[in-house]
């Protein structure tokens, strides 16, 4: 399973926001993935969201049992599948493209992404 950026931020700063279903799944399988795109996005919005990212952010994330999912060119090409998102956040399109390419569940709280109605896009809040 791949975590959306704000779900990754919850792991770090607001774990009580994570839904029980996601916690149970993580406890059961013991691993989840994050994208380097999320690291970029967190760095861009750090001050806006009031977070102070640690200098060793990637190591901290990995200490939670999360693994980095590399971004490949093939992931980027998958983005054309999500044409309804063409005029929206390109990071979101790339994140769901990564999950789709790797046949992973994608956990988010973004109602716009959840409304795409793909079974593999899961609500991280329940």
N, C-alpha and C. Protein backbone atom coordinates (compact mmCIF):
# COMPACT_ATOMS: atom_id res chain seq x y z
N UNK A 1 0.84 -1.18 0.00
CA UNK A 1 0.00 0.00 0.00
C UNK A 1 0.88 1.24 0.00
N UNK A 2 0.43 2.23 -0.75
CA UNK A 2 1.14 3.50 -0.87
C UNK A 2 0.33 4.57 -0.15
N UNK A 3 1.02 5.39 0.62
CA UNK A 3 0.36 6.44 1.40
C UNK A 3 0.41 7.78 0.67
N UNK A 4 -0.71 8.47 0.65
CA UNK A 4 -0.75 9.83 0.13
C UNK A 4 0.08 10.73 1.06
N UNK A 5 0.47 11.87 0.58
CA UNK A 5 1.36 12.75 1.34
C UNK A 5 0.78 13.13 2.70
N UNK A 6 -0.49 13.50 2.75
CA UNK A 6 -1.04 13.93 4.04
C UNK A 6 -1.18 12.75 5.00
N UNK A 7 -1.35 11.54 4.49
CA UNK A 7 -1.40 10.36 5.36
C UNK A 7 0.00 10.10 5.92
N UNK A 8 1.01 10.28 5.10
CA UNK A 8 2.39 10.18 5.57
C UNK A 8 2.66 11.22 6.66
N UNK A 9 2.17 12.44 6.47
CA UNK A 9 2.33 13.49 7.49
C UNK A 9 1.64 13.09 8.78
N UNK A 10 0.48 12.43 8.68
CA UNK A 10 -0.20 11.95 9.89
C UNK A 10 0.66 10.95 10.65
N UNK A 11 1.32 10.04 9.94
CA UNK A 11 2.21 9.09 10.61
C UNK A 11 3.23 9.83 11.45
N UNK A 12 3.72 10.95 10.92
CA UNK A 12 4.77 11.71 11.60
C UNK A 12 4.26 12.63 12.69
N UNK A 13 3.14 13.31 12.44
CA UNK A 13 2.73 14.41 13.31
C UNK A 13 1.36 14.26 13.96
N UNK A 14 0.47 13.51 13.36
CA UNK A 14 -0.91 13.40 13.87
C UNK A 14 -1.44 11.97 13.72
N UNK A 15 -0.80 11.01 14.37
CA UNK A 15 -1.20 9.61 14.16
C UNK A 15 -2.65 9.31 14.53
N UNK A 16 -3.26 10.11 15.36
CA UNK A 16 -4.66 9.87 15.72
C UNK A 16 -5.62 10.12 14.55
N UNK A 17 -5.16 10.78 13.50
CA UNK A 17 -6.00 11.01 12.32
C UNK A 17 -6.11 9.77 11.43
N UNK A 18 -5.22 8.83 11.62
CA UNK A 18 -5.21 7.63 10.78
C UNK A 18 -6.37 6.73 11.20
N UNK A 19 -7.13 6.29 10.22
CA UNK A 19 -8.29 5.44 10.48
C UNK A 19 -7.91 4.06 10.99
N UNK A 20 -8.83 3.46 11.71
CA UNK A 20 -8.57 2.14 12.32
C UNK A 20 -8.32 1.05 11.29
N UNK A 21 -9.01 1.11 10.15
CA UNK A 21 -8.83 0.10 9.11
C UNK A 21 -7.40 0.13 8.57
N UNK A 22 -6.86 1.32 8.36
CA UNK A 22 -5.49 1.45 7.87
C UNK A 22 -4.50 0.97 8.93
N UNK A 23 -4.73 1.33 10.18
CA UNK A 23 -3.85 0.88 11.27
C UNK A 23 -3.84 -0.64 11.34
N UNK A 24 -5.03 -1.26 11.26
CA UNK A 24 -5.12 -2.73 11.31
C UNK A 24 -4.38 -3.37 10.14
N UNK A 25 -4.56 -2.81 8.95
CA UNK A 25 -3.89 -3.37 7.78
C UNK A 25 -2.38 -3.23 7.92
N UNK A 26 -1.92 -2.07 8.36
CA UNK A 26 -0.48 -1.86 8.54
C UNK A 26 0.06 -2.82 9.59
N UNK A 27 -0.65 -2.99 10.69
CA UNK A 27 -0.21 -3.92 11.73
C UNK A 27 -0.16 -5.35 11.20
N UNK A 28 -1.11 -5.70 10.35
CA UNK A 28 -1.18 -7.06 9.82
C UNK A 28 -0.07 -7.35 8.81
N UNK A 29 0.16 -6.43 7.87
CA UNK A 29 1.17 -6.72 6.85
C UNK A 29 2.55 -6.16 7.19
N UNK A 30 2.59 -5.19 8.10
CA UNK A 30 3.87 -4.70 8.61
C UNK A 30 4.68 -3.83 7.67
N UNK A 31 4.09 -3.44 6.55
CA UNK A 31 4.82 -2.53 5.66
C UNK A 31 3.87 -1.68 4.85
N UNK A 32 4.37 -0.53 4.50
CA UNK A 32 3.66 0.38 3.61
C UNK A 32 4.75 1.18 2.90
N UNK A 33 4.34 1.87 1.85
CA UNK A 33 5.30 2.61 1.04
C UNK A 33 4.98 4.09 1.03
N UNK A 34 6.02 4.88 0.83
CA UNK A 34 5.88 6.31 0.61
C UNK A 34 6.63 6.64 -0.68
N UNK A 35 6.24 7.72 -1.29
CA UNK A 35 6.85 8.14 -2.55
C UNK A 35 7.83 9.28 -2.30
N UNK A 36 8.91 9.36 -3.08
CA UNK A 36 9.77 10.54 -3.00
C UNK A 36 9.00 11.82 -3.35
N UNK A 37 7.91 11.67 -4.10
CA UNK A 37 7.06 12.84 -4.39
C UNK A 37 6.49 13.42 -3.11
N UNK A 38 6.16 12.56 -2.16
CA UNK A 38 5.62 13.04 -0.88
C UNK A 38 6.66 13.79 -0.08
N UNK A 39 7.91 13.35 -0.17
CA UNK A 39 8.98 14.07 0.52
C UNK A 39 9.09 15.48 -0.07
N UNK A 40 9.07 15.56 -1.39
CA UNK A 40 9.10 16.86 -2.07
C UNK A 40 7.92 17.72 -1.63
N UNK A 41 6.73 17.13 -1.64
CA UNK A 41 5.52 17.89 -1.30
C UNK A 41 5.55 18.36 0.16
N UNK A 42 5.98 17.50 1.08
CA UNK A 42 6.09 17.90 2.48
C UNK A 42 7.06 19.06 2.65
N UNK A 43 8.18 19.00 1.94
CA UNK A 43 9.17 20.08 2.04
C UNK A 43 8.60 21.40 1.52
N UNK A 44 7.70 21.33 0.53
CA UNK A 44 7.12 22.54 -0.05
C UNK A 44 6.09 23.19 0.88
N UNK A 45 5.38 22.38 1.65
CA UNK A 45 4.28 22.90 2.47
C UNK A 45 4.57 22.87 3.97
N UNK A 46 5.80 22.59 4.32
CA UNK A 46 6.19 22.45 5.72
C UNK A 46 5.72 23.63 6.57
N UNK A 47 6.06 24.83 6.19
CA UNK A 47 5.70 26.00 6.99
C UNK A 47 4.20 26.28 6.96
N UNK A 48 3.61 26.10 5.78
CA UNK A 48 2.17 26.34 5.63
C UNK A 48 1.37 25.46 6.59
N UNK A 49 1.79 24.20 6.74
CA UNK A 49 1.07 23.27 7.59
C UNK A 49 1.52 23.32 9.05
N UNK A 50 2.57 24.08 9.30
CA UNK A 50 3.05 24.21 10.67
C UNK A 50 3.91 23.05 11.15
N UNK A 51 4.46 22.29 10.22
CA UNK A 51 5.33 21.17 10.57
C UNK A 51 6.78 21.63 10.59
N UNK A 52 7.56 20.97 11.40
CA UNK A 52 9.02 21.13 11.37
C UNK A 52 9.58 19.77 11.00
N UNK A 53 10.00 19.64 9.75
CA UNK A 53 10.52 18.37 9.29
C UNK A 53 11.92 18.13 9.82
N UNK A 54 12.19 16.95 10.32
CA UNK A 54 13.54 16.66 10.81
C UNK A 54 14.52 16.57 9.63
N UNK A 55 15.77 16.88 9.91
CA UNK A 55 16.80 16.80 8.87
C UNK A 55 16.95 15.38 8.34
N UNK A 56 16.69 14.40 9.18
CA UNK A 56 16.79 13.00 8.78
C UNK A 56 15.41 12.41 8.49
N UNK A 57 14.58 13.18 7.79
CA UNK A 57 13.19 12.84 7.54
C UNK A 57 13.02 11.42 6.98
N UNK A 58 13.79 11.07 5.97
CA UNK A 58 13.63 9.75 5.34
C UNK A 58 13.94 8.64 6.35
N UNK A 59 14.95 8.82 7.14
CA UNK A 59 15.28 7.80 8.15
C UNK A 59 14.17 7.69 9.20
N UNK A 60 13.60 8.82 9.59
CA UNK A 60 12.50 8.81 10.56
C UNK A 60 11.31 8.05 9.97
N UNK A 61 10.98 8.35 8.71
CA UNK A 61 9.87 7.66 8.07
C UNK A 61 10.13 6.16 8.01
N UNK A 62 11.33 5.79 7.63
CA UNK A 62 11.66 4.37 7.55
C UNK A 62 11.62 3.69 8.92
N UNK A 63 11.86 4.45 9.98
CA UNK A 63 11.81 3.88 11.33
C UNK A 63 10.40 3.44 11.71
N UNK A 64 9.39 3.96 11.01
CA UNK A 64 8.00 3.54 11.23
C UNK A 64 7.68 2.25 10.49
N UNK A 65 8.64 1.74 9.72
CA UNK A 65 8.40 0.55 8.93
C UNK A 65 7.95 0.84 7.51
N UNK A 66 8.04 2.12 7.11
CA UNK A 66 7.66 2.50 5.77
C UNK A 66 8.86 2.39 4.83
N UNK A 67 8.59 2.02 3.59
CA UNK A 67 9.65 1.86 2.61
C UNK A 67 9.43 2.83 1.45
N UNK A 68 10.53 3.28 0.88
CA UNK A 68 10.44 4.20 -0.24
C UNK A 68 10.12 3.45 -1.53
N UNK A 69 9.13 3.93 -2.26
CA UNK A 69 8.79 3.39 -3.57
C UNK A 69 9.38 4.32 -4.62
N UNK A 70 10.39 3.87 -5.35
CA UNK A 70 11.00 4.75 -6.35
C UNK A 70 9.98 5.17 -7.41
N UNK A 71 10.21 6.33 -7.98
CA UNK A 71 9.38 6.83 -9.07
C UNK A 71 10.08 6.50 -10.38
N UNK A 72 9.38 5.77 -11.23
CA UNK A 72 9.93 5.37 -12.52
C UNK A 72 9.19 6.08 -13.65
N UNK A 73 9.83 6.13 -14.81
CA UNK A 73 9.20 6.73 -15.99
C UNK A 73 7.89 6.04 -16.32
N UNK A 74 7.83 4.73 -16.14
CA UNK A 74 6.59 3.99 -16.42
C UNK A 74 5.45 4.46 -15.53
N UNK A 75 5.75 4.88 -14.30
CA UNK A 75 4.72 5.44 -13.43
C UNK A 75 4.17 6.73 -14.03
N UNK A 76 5.07 7.55 -14.53
CA UNK A 76 4.66 8.83 -15.11
C UNK A 76 3.75 8.62 -16.32
N UNK A 77 4.05 7.62 -17.12
CA UNK A 77 3.22 7.34 -18.29
C UNK A 77 1.83 6.86 -17.90
N UNK A 78 1.70 6.21 -16.75
CA UNK A 78 0.41 5.75 -16.26
C UNK A 78 -0.55 6.91 -15.99
N UNK A 79 -0.01 8.11 -15.78
CA UNK A 79 -0.85 9.26 -15.41
C UNK A 79 -1.91 9.56 -16.46
N UNK A 80 -1.69 9.16 -17.70
CA UNK A 80 -2.69 9.43 -18.74
C UNK A 80 -3.99 8.68 -18.48
N UNK A 81 -3.96 7.66 -17.65
CA UNK A 81 -5.18 6.93 -17.29
C UNK A 81 -6.14 7.79 -16.47
N UNK A 82 -5.62 8.83 -15.88
CA UNK A 82 -6.41 9.64 -14.95
C UNK A 82 -6.68 11.02 -15.54
N UNK A 83 -7.21 11.02 -16.75
CA UNK A 83 -7.46 12.25 -17.49
C UNK A 83 -8.42 13.21 -16.80
N UNK A 84 -9.31 12.69 -15.95
CA UNK A 84 -10.24 13.58 -15.25
C UNK A 84 -9.51 14.47 -14.25
N UNK A 85 -8.27 14.15 -13.96
CA UNK A 85 -7.48 14.95 -13.02
C UNK A 85 -6.50 15.87 -13.75
N UNK A 86 -6.66 16.02 -15.04
CA UNK A 86 -5.69 16.74 -15.86
C UNK A 86 -5.40 18.15 -15.37
N UNK A 87 -6.38 18.86 -14.86
CA UNK A 87 -6.18 20.25 -14.41
C UNK A 87 -6.09 20.35 -12.90
N UNK A 88 -5.65 19.29 -12.26
CA UNK A 88 -5.52 19.28 -10.80
C UNK A 88 -4.05 19.08 -10.43
N UNK A 89 -3.82 18.83 -9.18
CA UNK A 89 -2.47 18.67 -8.64
C UNK A 89 -1.71 17.54 -9.35
N UNK A 90 -0.63 17.85 -10.06
CA UNK A 90 0.12 16.80 -10.76
C UNK A 90 0.74 15.79 -9.80
N UNK A 91 1.05 16.20 -8.59
CA UNK A 91 1.60 15.25 -7.61
C UNK A 91 0.57 14.16 -7.31
N UNK A 92 -0.68 14.54 -7.15
CA UNK A 92 -1.73 13.55 -6.92
C UNK A 92 -1.81 12.56 -8.07
N UNK A 93 -1.76 13.06 -9.28
CA UNK A 93 -1.82 12.17 -10.45
C UNK A 93 -0.64 11.21 -10.47
N UNK A 94 0.53 11.71 -10.14
CA UNK A 94 1.70 10.83 -10.13
C UNK A 94 1.64 9.81 -9.00
N UNK A 95 1.15 10.22 -7.85
CA UNK A 95 1.03 9.28 -6.73
C UNK A 95 0.07 8.14 -7.06
N UNK A 96 -1.08 8.47 -7.60
CA UNK A 96 -2.01 7.38 -7.92
C UNK A 96 -1.50 6.57 -9.11
N UNK A 97 -0.72 7.18 -9.97
CA UNK A 97 -0.10 6.43 -11.06
C UNK A 97 0.91 5.43 -10.53
N UNK A 98 1.69 5.84 -9.52
CA UNK A 98 2.62 4.90 -8.88
C UNK A 98 1.87 3.72 -8.30
N UNK A 99 0.84 4.01 -7.53
CA UNK A 99 0.06 2.93 -6.90
C UNK A 99 -0.55 2.02 -7.95
N UNK A 100 -1.13 2.60 -8.97
CA UNK A 100 -1.76 1.81 -10.03
C UNK A 100 -0.73 0.93 -10.74
N UNK A 101 0.40 1.49 -11.09
CA UNK A 101 1.45 0.74 -11.79
C UNK A 101 1.95 -0.45 -10.97
N UNK A 102 2.02 -0.24 -9.67
CA UNK A 102 2.55 -1.28 -8.78
C UNK A 102 1.45 -2.18 -8.21
N UNK A 103 0.21 -1.93 -8.67
CA UNK A 103 -0.96 -2.70 -8.20
C UNK A 103 -1.07 -2.68 -6.67
N UNK A 104 -0.92 -1.48 -6.13
CA UNK A 104 -1.01 -1.26 -4.69
C UNK A 104 -2.27 -0.50 -4.34
N UNK A 105 -2.75 -0.72 -3.14
CA UNK A 105 -3.80 0.15 -2.60
C UNK A 105 -3.16 1.52 -2.34
N UNK A 106 -3.95 2.55 -2.53
CA UNK A 106 -3.50 3.92 -2.27
C UNK A 106 -4.39 4.51 -1.20
N UNK A 107 -3.80 4.87 -0.06
CA UNK A 107 -4.56 5.40 1.07
C UNK A 107 -4.49 6.91 1.10
N UNK A 108 -5.66 7.54 1.11
CA UNK A 108 -5.78 8.99 1.06
C UNK A 108 -7.01 9.42 1.86
N UNK A 109 -7.08 10.70 2.13
CA UNK A 109 -8.30 11.29 2.69
C UNK A 109 -8.86 12.33 1.72
N UNK A 110 -8.25 12.42 0.55
CA UNK A 110 -8.64 13.40 -0.46
C UNK A 110 -9.93 12.95 -1.12
N UNK A 111 -11.01 13.68 -0.85
CA UNK A 111 -12.35 13.31 -1.36
C UNK A 111 -12.38 13.29 -2.89
N UNK A 112 -11.62 14.16 -3.51
CA UNK A 112 -11.58 14.19 -4.98
C UNK A 112 -11.02 12.88 -5.52
N UNK A 113 -9.95 12.38 -4.90
CA UNK A 113 -9.36 11.12 -5.34
C UNK A 113 -10.25 9.93 -4.99
N UNK A 114 -10.85 9.98 -3.82
CA UNK A 114 -11.76 8.90 -3.42
C UNK A 114 -12.97 8.84 -4.34
N UNK A 115 -13.40 9.98 -4.85
CA UNK A 115 -14.58 10.02 -5.72
C UNK A 115 -14.31 9.43 -7.10
N UNK A 116 -13.05 9.14 -7.42
CA UNK A 116 -12.74 8.48 -8.69
C UNK A 116 -13.32 7.07 -8.73
N UNK A 117 -13.62 6.55 -7.56
CA UNK A 117 -14.32 5.27 -7.44
C UNK A 117 -13.51 4.07 -7.94
N UNK A 118 -12.21 4.12 -7.75
CA UNK A 118 -11.38 2.96 -7.99
C UNK A 118 -11.31 2.18 -6.69
N UNK A 119 -11.49 0.87 -6.74
CA UNK A 119 -11.51 0.05 -5.54
C UNK A 119 -10.18 0.11 -4.79
N UNK A 120 -9.09 0.36 -5.48
CA UNK A 120 -7.77 0.36 -4.86
C UNK A 120 -7.41 1.71 -4.23
N UNK A 121 -8.24 2.74 -4.42
CA UNK A 121 -8.05 4.01 -3.70
C UNK A 121 -8.92 3.95 -2.46
N UNK A 122 -8.26 3.92 -1.31
CA UNK A 122 -8.92 3.66 -0.03
C UNK A 122 -8.94 4.90 0.86
N UNK A 123 -9.96 4.98 1.68
CA UNK A 123 -10.13 6.08 2.63
C UNK A 123 -9.27 5.81 3.86
N UNK A 124 -8.30 6.67 4.09
CA UNK A 124 -7.37 6.51 5.22
C UNK A 124 -7.97 6.95 6.54
N UNK A 125 -9.19 7.48 6.53
CA UNK A 125 -9.77 8.02 7.75
C UNK A 125 -10.73 7.06 8.45
N UNK A 126 -11.06 5.94 7.80
CA UNK A 126 -12.02 5.01 8.41
C UNK A 126 -11.35 3.79 9.01
